C-alpha atoms as a PDB file:
ATOM      1  CA  MET A   1      15.348   9.400 -18.715  1.00  0.00           C
ATOM      2  CA  LEU A   2      16.407   5.757 -19.125  1.00  0.00           C
ATOM      3  CA  GLU A   3      19.595   6.383 -17.187  1.00  0.00           C
ATOM      4  CA  GLU A   4      17.704   8.131 -14.381  1.00  0.00           C
ATOM      5  CA  VAL A   5      15.215   5.277 -14.040  1.00  0.00           C
ATOM      6  CA  LYS A   6      18.052   2.761 -14.181  1.00  0.00           C
ATOM      7  CA  ALA A   7      19.864   4.599 -11.376  1.00  0.00           C
ATOM      8  CA  ILE A   8      16.700   4.654  -9.259  1.00  0.00           C
ATOM      9  CA  LEU A   9      16.264   0.912  -9.783  1.00  0.00           C
ATOM     10  CA  ALA A  10      19.876   0.262  -8.839  1.00  0.00           C
ATOM     11  CA  ASP A  11      19.595   2.346  -5.707  1.00  0.00           C
ATOM     12  CA  SER A  12      16.140   1.155  -4.629  1.00  0.00           C
ATOM     13  CA  LEU A  13      16.900  -2.527  -5.161  1.00  0.00           C
ATOM     14  CA  GLN A  14      20.541  -2.282  -4.072  1.00  0.00           C
ATOM     15  CA  LEU A  15      21.738  -3.711  -7.373  1.00  0.00           C
ATOM     16  CA  ALA A  16      25.017  -1.767  -7.406  1.00  0.00           C
ATOM     17  CA  ASP A  17      26.681  -2.142 -10.816  1.00  0.00           C
ATOM     18  CA  ARG A  18      24.351  -4.891 -12.062  1.00  0.00           C
ATOM     19  CA  THR A  19      22.301  -2.315 -13.966  1.00  0.00           C
ATOM     20  CA  ALA A  20      25.267  -1.089 -16.007  1.00  0.00           C
ATOM     21  CA  ASP A  21      24.330  -3.287 -18.978  1.00  0.00           C
ATOM     22  CA  PHE A  22      20.559  -2.813 -18.671  1.00  0.00           C
ATOM     23  CA  THR A  23      18.857  -1.650 -21.853  1.00  0.00           C
ATOM     24  CA  ALA A  24      15.240  -0.781 -22.610  1.00  0.00           C
ATOM     25  CA  ASP A  25      14.674  -4.462 -23.463  1.00  0.00           C
ATOM     26  CA  THR A  26      15.980  -5.779 -20.125  1.00  0.00           C
ATOM     27  CA  PRO A  27      13.218  -7.784 -18.420  1.00  0.00           C
ATOM     28  CA  LEU A  28      12.451  -6.717 -14.855  1.00  0.00           C
ATOM     29  CA  LEU A  29       9.483  -8.360 -13.155  1.00  0.00           C
ATOM     30  CA  GLY A  30      10.131 -12.081 -12.895  1.00  0.00           C
ATOM     31  CA  SER A  31      13.767 -11.688 -13.904  1.00  0.00           C
ATOM     32  CA  LEU A  32      15.125  -9.757 -10.931  1.00  0.00           C
ATOM     33  CA  PRO A  33      14.698 -11.694  -7.684  1.00  0.00           C
ATOM     34  CA  GLU A  34      14.987  -8.391  -5.812  1.00  0.00           C
ATOM     35  CA  LEU A  35      11.901  -7.015  -7.559  1.00  0.00           C
ATOM     36  CA  ASP A  36       9.059  -8.444  -5.512  1.00  0.00           C
ATOM     37  CA  SER A  37       5.762  -6.762  -4.623  1.00  0.00           C
ATOM     38  CA  PHE A  38       7.321  -4.886  -1.703  1.00  0.00           C
ATOM     39  CA  ALA A  39      10.194  -3.698  -3.883  1.00  0.00           C
ATOM     40  CA  VAL A  40       7.731  -2.423  -6.497  1.00  0.00           C
ATOM     41  CA  VAL A  41       6.301  -0.094  -3.845  1.00  0.00           C
ATOM     42  CA  ILE A  42       9.817   1.098  -2.953  1.00  0.00           C
ATOM     43  CA  VAL A  43      10.677   1.750  -6.609  1.00  0.00           C
ATOM     44  CA  VAL A  44       7.400   3.570  -7.284  1.00  0.00           C
ATOM     45  CA  THR A  45       7.925   5.759  -4.209  1.00  0.00           C
ATOM     46  CA  ALA A  46      11.473   6.577  -5.323  1.00  0.00           C
ATOM     47  CA  LEU A  47      10.218   7.451  -8.817  1.00  0.00           C
ATOM     48  CA  GLU A  48       7.491   9.677  -7.340  1.00  0.00           C
ATOM     49  CA  ASP A  49      10.037  11.489  -5.178  1.00  0.00           C
ATOM     50  CA  HIS A  50      12.601  11.904  -7.952  1.00  0.00           C
ATOM     51  CA  PHE A  51      10.247  12.963 -10.747  1.00  0.00           C
ATOM     52  CA  ASP A  52       7.686  14.752  -8.554  1.00  0.00           C
ATOM     53  CA  PHE A  53       4.517  12.938  -9.617  1.00  0.00           C
ATOM     54  CA  VAL A  54       1.930  10.780  -7.862  1.00  0.00           C
ATOM     55  CA  VAL A  55       1.054   7.223  -8.887  1.00  0.00           C
ATOM     56  CA  ASP A  56      -2.366   5.822  -8.034  1.00  0.00           C
ATOM     57  CA  ASP A  57      -2.504   2.152  -7.049  1.00  0.00           C
ATOM     58  CA  ASP A  58      -4.621   1.273 -10.067  1.00  0.00           C
ATOM     59  CA  GLU A  59      -2.003   2.691 -12.456  1.00  0.00           C
ATOM     60  CA  ILE A  60       0.540  -0.016 -11.654  1.00  0.00           C
ATOM     61  CA  SER A  61       0.407  -3.421 -13.309  1.00  0.00           C
ATOM     62  CA  ALA A  62       2.831  -6.190 -14.185  1.00  0.00           C
ATOM     63  CA  ASP A  63       3.048  -4.653 -17.671  1.00  0.00           C
ATOM     64  CA  THR A  64       4.498  -1.468 -16.178  1.00  0.00           C
ATOM     65  CA  PHE A  65       7.445  -3.448 -14.816  1.00  0.00           C
ATOM     66  CA  ALA A  66       7.782  -5.893 -17.739  1.00  0.00           C
ATOM     67  CA  THR A  67      11.011  -4.296 -19.000  1.00  0.00           C
ATOM     68  CA  LEU A  68      13.114  -1.279 -18.247  1.00  0.00           C
ATOM     69  CA  GLY A  69      11.648   0.272 -21.385  1.00  0.00           C
ATOM     70  CA  THR A  70       8.039  -0.161 -20.251  1.00  0.00           C
ATOM     71  CA  LEU A  71       8.926   1.376 -16.903  1.00  0.00           C
ATOM     72  CA  VAL A  72      10.604   4.328 -18.623  1.00  0.00           C
ATOM     73  CA  GLU A  73       7.525   4.777 -20.855  1.00  0.00           C
ATOM     74  CA  PHE A  74       5.325   4.823 -17.757  1.00  0.00           C
ATOM     75  CA  VAL A  75       7.542   7.422 -16.055  1.00  0.00           C
ATOM     76  CA  ASP A  76       7.676   9.516 -19.216  1.00  0.00           C
ATOM     77  CA  GLY A  77       3.882   9.460 -19.451  1.00  0.00           C
ATOM     78  CA  LYS A  78       3.544  10.530 -15.800  1.00  0.00           C
ATOM     79  CA  CYS A  79       6.022  13.365 -16.310  1.00  0.00           C
ATOM     80  CA  GLN A  80       4.146  14.650 -19.333  1.00  0.00           C
ATOM     81  CA  ALA A  81       0.740  14.478 -17.663  1.00  0.00           C
END
């Protein structure tokens, strides 16, 4: 799942090969200039489309996008729900 989320980030934020070295510990929010509030909406929409789940506005926080790992945990939880 990490690789899928990483690919969605790369595509949504147009990061190209910059995500190649991303690990679960890679910081996202505040570390990627491309990841602003508008980009968060784009990434969440792409995740919803790819994994076929719905995210309510109140489910998203800065903690969700703290690292690639926290984002993957969020996606995994949505997929299992």
